[in-house]
Amino acid sequence: MKIELLSQEHAMEIANHWHYPAPYDFYDLENDLEDYQEMVNSDLRGDNYYQVLRDGKLYGYFTVNTDGAVLELGLGMKPEYCGKGEGKAFMQVILDYCSIHIPSKVVSLSVADFNARAQQLYLNMGFEFVQRVPMESNGGIHLFVKMKKELE
């Protein structure tokens, strides 16, 4: 897999054409105007969005925000690959990239409370539960699980 800054073409594909089956449609960017606008506007994305390519085709993306010590990670896998046991390899390539290019002591992420599938993947990869917190998303307040992993 190859990682590079997210192209405008792929940002538009993610924003307008990635649709997940219920209940994961919560992650469709069209459901959250703020996230949608950030995805489609290169100035708002800055250098914080990356694309993951497999065999030259868009496979997923991730976002990073860091204060130096903690790297806040957001990610999305192309809908057609979800639920097929590919999450671990996808997540590992992202973590490997971040450990080399964006050194931090801790990786943190937030996942929707209903998404037990993703939570289990993260636990299996060494993340630990931090807390459940209500967060603003998709025009309302939703419960999210914050998780973290200390890097070596």
C-alpha atoms as a PDB file:
ATOM      1  CA  MET A   1       0.000   0.000   0.000  1.00  0.00           C
ATOM      2  CA  LYS A   2       1.106   3.531  -0.716  1.00  0.00           C
ATOM      3  CA  ILE A   3       0.366   6.655   1.339  1.00  0.00           C
ATOM      4  CA  GLU A   4       0.422  10.226   0.060  1.00  0.00           C
ATOM      5  CA  LEU A   5      -1.372  13.518   0.656  1.00  0.00           C
ATOM      6  CA  LEU A   6      -5.038  13.298  -0.277  1.00  0.00           C
ATOM      7  CA  SER A   7      -5.697  14.500  -3.815  1.00  0.00           C
ATOM      8  CA  GLN A   8      -8.657  16.743  -4.623  1.00  0.00           C
ATOM      9  CA  GLU A   9     -10.049  14.070  -6.948  1.00  0.00           C
ATOM     10  CA  HIS A  10     -10.042  11.466  -4.188  1.00  0.00           C
ATOM     11  CA  ALA A  11     -11.402  13.940  -1.628  1.00  0.00           C
ATOM     12  CA  MET A  12     -14.399  14.536  -3.876  1.00  0.00           C
ATOM     13  CA  GLU A  13     -14.882  10.784  -4.372  1.00  0.00           C
ATOM     14  CA  ILE A  14     -14.888  10.196  -0.608  1.00  0.00           C
ATOM     15  CA  ALA A  15     -17.204  13.122   0.105  1.00  0.00           C
ATOM     16  CA  ASN A  16     -19.745  12.442  -2.627  1.00  0.00           C
ATOM     17  CA  HIS A  17     -19.626   8.741  -3.426  1.00  0.00           C
ATOM     18  CA  TRP A  18     -18.682   6.789  -0.315  1.00  0.00           C
ATOM     19  CA  HIS A  19     -21.892   5.440   1.178  1.00  0.00           C
ATOM     20  CA  TYR A  20     -21.918   2.851   3.933  1.00  0.00           C
ATOM     21  CA  PRO A  21     -24.808   0.502   4.795  1.00  0.00           C
ATOM     22  CA  ALA A  22     -26.810   1.270   7.952  1.00  0.00           C
ATOM     23  CA  PRO A  23     -25.880   1.818  10.727  1.00  0.00           C
ATOM     24  CA  TYR A  24     -22.443   2.731   9.324  1.00  0.00           C
ATOM     25  CA  ASP A  25     -24.041   5.359   7.072  1.00  0.00           C
ATOM     26  CA  PHE A  26     -23.417   7.534  10.132  1.00  0.00           C
ATOM     27  CA  TYR A  27     -19.937   7.905   8.585  1.00  0.00           C
ATOM     28  CA  ASP A  28     -21.170   9.184   5.199  1.00  0.00           C
ATOM     29  CA  LEU A  29     -19.646  12.652   4.959  1.00  0.00           C
ATOM     30  CA  GLU A  30     -22.833  14.037   3.474  1.00  0.00           C
ATOM     31  CA  ASN A  31     -24.379  13.562   6.945  1.00  0.00           C
ATOM     32  CA  ASP A  32     -22.000  16.040   8.597  1.00  0.00           C
ATOM     33  CA  LEU A  33     -21.743  19.408   6.864  1.00  0.00           C
ATOM     34  CA  GLU A  34     -18.612  20.486   8.752  1.00  0.00           C
ATOM     35  CA  ASP A  35     -16.719  17.271   7.929  1.00  0.00           C
ATOM     36  CA  TYR A  36     -17.961  17.403   4.343  1.00  0.00           C
ATOM     37  CA  GLN A  37     -16.750  20.978   3.870  1.00  0.00           C
ATOM     38  CA  GLU A  38     -13.350  20.152   5.346  1.00  0.00           C
ATOM     39  CA  MET A  39     -12.986  17.160   3.029  1.00  0.00           C
ATOM     40  CA  VAL A  40     -13.835  18.997  -0.199  1.00  0.00           C
ATOM     41  CA  ASN A  41     -11.864  22.187   0.543  1.00  0.00           C
ATOM     42  CA  SER A  42      -8.098  21.765   0.150  1.00  0.00           C
ATOM     43  CA  ASP A  43      -7.422  24.863   2.277  1.00  0.00           C
ATOM     44  CA  LEU A  44      -9.414  23.390   5.175  1.00  0.00           C
ATOM     45  CA  ARG A  45      -7.795  19.948   4.749  1.00  0.00           C
ATOM     46  CA  GLY A  46      -4.302  21.415   4.748  1.00  0.00           C
ATOM     47  CA  ASP A  47      -1.607  18.759   5.068  1.00  0.00           C
ATOM     48  CA  ASN A  48      -3.652  16.711   7.539  1.00  0.00           C
ATOM     49  CA  TYR A  49      -5.396  14.306   5.120  1.00  0.00           C
ATOM     50  CA  TYR A  50      -3.728  11.311   3.502  1.00  0.00           C
ATOM     51  CA  GLN A  51      -4.879   8.755   0.977  1.00  0.00           C
ATOM     52  CA  VAL A  52      -4.066   5.068   1.154  1.00  0.00           C
ATOM     53  CA  LEU A  53      -3.704   3.490  -2.266  1.00  0.00           C
ATOM     54  CA  ARG A  54      -3.675  -0.219  -3.028  1.00  0.00           C
ATOM     55  CA  ASP A  55      -2.645  -1.268  -6.518  1.00  0.00           C
ATOM     56  CA  GLY A  56      -2.879   2.408  -7.504  1.00  0.00           C
ATOM     57  CA  LYS A  57      -6.533   2.711  -6.451  1.00  0.00           C
ATOM     58  CA  LEU A  58      -8.060   4.546  -3.509  1.00  0.00           C
ATOM     59  CA  TYR A  59      -8.419   2.148  -0.591  1.00  0.00           C
ATOM     60  CA  GLY A  60      -8.935   4.533   2.315  1.00  0.00           C
ATOM     61  CA  TYR A  61      -7.836   7.744   3.963  1.00  0.00           C
ATOM     62  CA  PHE A  62      -6.784   9.090   7.315  1.00  0.00           C
ATOM     63  CA  THR A  63      -6.452  12.420   9.070  1.00  0.00           C
ATOM     64  CA  VAL A  64      -3.905  13.493  11.634  1.00  0.00           C
ATOM     65  CA  ASN A  65      -3.724  16.259  14.194  1.00  0.00           C
ATOM     66  CA  THR A  66      -0.868  16.371  16.646  1.00  0.00           C
ATOM     67  CA  ASP A  67       0.450  18.478  19.462  1.00  0.00           C
ATOM     68  CA  GLY A  68       3.750  16.585  19.379  1.00  0.00           C
ATOM     69  CA  ALA A  69       3.008  14.164  22.202  1.00  0.00           C
ATOM     70  CA  VAL A  70      -0.443  12.927  21.085  1.00  0.00           C
ATOM     71  CA  LEU A  71      -1.483  12.138  17.535  1.00  0.00           C
ATOM     72  CA  GLU A  72      -5.256  12.317  17.033  1.00  0.00           C
ATOM     73  CA  LEU A  73      -6.161   9.939  14.221  1.00  0.00           C
ATOM     74  CA  GLY A  74      -9.272   9.757  12.084  1.00  0.00           C
ATOM     75  CA  LEU A  75      -9.717   7.226   9.299  1.00  0.00           C
ATOM     76  CA  GLY A  76     -12.044   5.745   6.757  1.00  0.00           C
ATOM     77  CA  MET A  77     -11.884   2.676   4.542  1.00  0.00           C
ATOM     78  CA  LYS A  78     -13.622   2.550   1.178  1.00  0.00           C
ATOM     79  CA  PRO A  79     -17.063   1.020   1.829  1.00  0.00           C
ATOM     80  CA  GLU A  80     -16.583  -1.979  -0.469  1.00  0.00           C
ATOM     81  CA  TYR A  81     -13.659  -3.181   1.663  1.00  0.00           C
ATOM     82  CA  CYS A  82     -15.339  -2.816   5.067  1.00  0.00           C
ATOM     83  CA  GLY A  83     -16.390  -5.863   7.044  1.00  0.00           C
ATOM     84  CA  LYS A  84     -14.124  -8.215   5.087  1.00  0.00           C
ATOM     85  CA  GLY A  85     -11.288  -8.665   7.568  1.00  0.00           C
ATOM     86  CA  GLU A  86      -9.031  -6.060   5.952  1.00  0.00           C
ATOM     87  CA  GLY A  87      -9.114  -3.538   8.804  1.00  0.00           C
ATOM     88  CA  LYS A  88      -6.018  -4.789  10.618  1.00  0.00           C
ATOM     89  CA  ALA A  89      -3.726  -4.470   7.577  1.00  0.00           C
ATOM     90  CA  PHE A  90      -5.226  -1.058   6.754  1.00  0.00           C
ATOM     91  CA  MET A  91      -4.750   0.200  10.301  1.00  0.00           C
ATOM     92  CA  GLN A  92      -1.223  -1.215  10.556  1.00  0.00           C
ATOM     93  CA  VAL A  93      -0.013   0.561   7.416  1.00  0.00           C
ATOM     94  CA  ILE A  94      -1.401   3.836   8.828  1.00  0.00           C
ATOM     95  CA  LEU A  95       0.249   3.313  12.225  1.00  0.00           C
ATOM     96  CA  ASP A  96       3.554   2.382  10.569  1.00  0.00           C
ATOM     97  CA  TYR A  97       3.435   5.518   8.405  1.00  0.00           C
ATOM     98  CA  CYS A  98       2.598   7.747  11.358  1.00  0.00           C
ATOM     99  CA  SER A  99       5.355   6.290  13.558  1.00  0.00           C
ATOM    100  CA  ILE A 100       7.920   7.206  10.892  1.00  0.00           C
ATOM    101  CA  HIS A 101       6.574  10.518   9.578  1.00  0.00           C
ATOM    102  CA  ILE A 102       4.582  11.984  12.482  1.00  0.00           C
ATOM    103  CA  PRO A 103       6.366  10.873  15.620  1.00  0.00           C
ATOM    104  CA  SER A 104       4.239  11.015  18.753  1.00  0.00           C
ATOM    105  CA  LYS A 105       4.212   9.097  21.992  1.00  0.00           C
ATOM    106  CA  VAL A 106       0.498   8.295  21.908  1.00  0.00           C
ATOM    107  CA  VAL A 107      -2.081   7.704  19.165  1.00  0.00           C
ATOM    108  CA  SER A 108      -5.637   8.643  20.114  1.00  0.00           C
ATOM    109  CA  LEU A 109      -8.881   8.111  18.228  1.00  0.00           C
ATOM    110  CA  SER A 110     -12.617   8.352  18.733  1.00  0.00           C
ATOM    111  CA  VAL A 111     -15.111   5.840  17.366  1.00  0.00           C
ATOM    112  CA  ALA A 112     -18.896   5.941  17.418  1.00  0.00           C
ATOM    113  CA  ASP A 113     -20.218   4.000  20.404  1.00  0.00           C
ATOM    114  CA  PHE A 114     -22.366   1.706  18.227  1.00  0.00           C
ATOM    115  CA  ASN A 115     -19.368   0.635  16.124  1.00  0.00           C
ATOM    116  CA  ALA A 116     -18.353  -2.461  18.066  1.00  0.00           C
ATOM    117  CA  ARG A 117     -16.608  -3.873  14.995  1.00  0.00           C
ATOM    118  CA  ALA A 118     -14.084  -1.018  14.868  1.00  0.00           C
ATOM    119  CA  GLN A 119     -13.686  -0.935  18.645  1.00  0.00           C
ATOM    120  CA  GLN A 120     -12.768  -4.630  18.673  1.00  0.00           C
ATOM    121  CA  LEU A 121     -10.224  -4.102  15.888  1.00  0.00           C
ATOM    122  CA  TYR A 122      -8.575  -1.271  17.816  1.00  0.00           C
ATOM    123  CA  LEU A 123      -8.508  -3.310  21.040  1.00  0.00           C
ATOM    124  CA  ASN A 124      -6.913  -6.204  19.143  1.00  0.00           C
ATOM    125  CA  MET A 125      -4.253  -3.795  17.872  1.00  0.00           C
ATOM    126  CA  GLY A 126      -3.246  -2.641  21.335  1.00  0.00           C
ATOM    127  CA  PHE A 127      -5.504   0.363  21.829  1.00  0.00           C
ATOM    128  CA  GLU A 128      -7.134   0.725  25.202  1.00  0.00           C
ATOM    129  CA  PHE A 129     -10.439   2.211  26.242  1.00  0.00           C
ATOM    130  CA  VAL A 130     -10.156   5.710  27.711  1.00  0.00           C
ATOM    131  CA  GLN A 131     -13.761   6.905  28.125  1.00  0.00           C
ATOM    132  CA  ARG A 132     -17.159   7.312  26.523  1.00  0.00           C
ATOM    133  CA  VAL A 133     -17.938  10.932  25.722  1.00  0.00           C
ATOM    134  CA  PRO A 134     -20.774  12.775  24.022  1.00  0.00           C
ATOM    135  CA  MET A 135     -19.526  14.662  20.973  1.00  0.00           C
ATOM    136  CA  GLU A 136     -21.136  16.875  18.374  1.00  0.00           C
ATOM    137  CA  SER A 137     -21.457  15.123  15.018  1.00  0.00           C
ATOM    138  CA  ASN A 138     -23.958  14.847  12.170  1.00  0.00           C
ATOM    139  CA  GLY A 139     -26.034  17.732  13.494  1.00  0.00           C
ATOM    140  CA  GLY A 140     -26.477  16.312  16.978  1.00  0.00           C
ATOM    141  CA  ILE A 141     -24.773  14.928  20.067  1.00  0.00           C
ATOM    142  CA  HIS A 142     -23.666  11.307  19.818  1.00  0.00           C
ATOM    143  CA  LEU A 143     -21.767   8.999  22.134  1.00  0.00           C
ATOM    144  CA  PHE A 144     -18.182   8.180  21.129  1.00  0.00           C
ATOM    145  CA  VAL A 145     -15.554   5.905  22.624  1.00  0.00           C
ATOM    146  CA  LYS A 146     -12.125   7.474  23.027  1.00  0.00           C
ATOM    147  CA  MET A 147      -9.239   5.023  22.720  1.00  0.00           C
ATOM    148  CA  LYS A 148      -5.468   5.376  22.841  1.00  0.00           C
ATOM    149  CA  LYS A 149      -2.314   3.429  22.165  1.00  0.00           C
ATOM    150  CA  GLU A 150       1.160   4.212  23.422  1.00  0.00           C
ATOM    151  CA  LEU A 151       3.797   3.930  20.734  1.00  0.00           C
ATOM    152  CA  GLU A 152       7.165   2.329  21.263  1.00  0.00           C
END
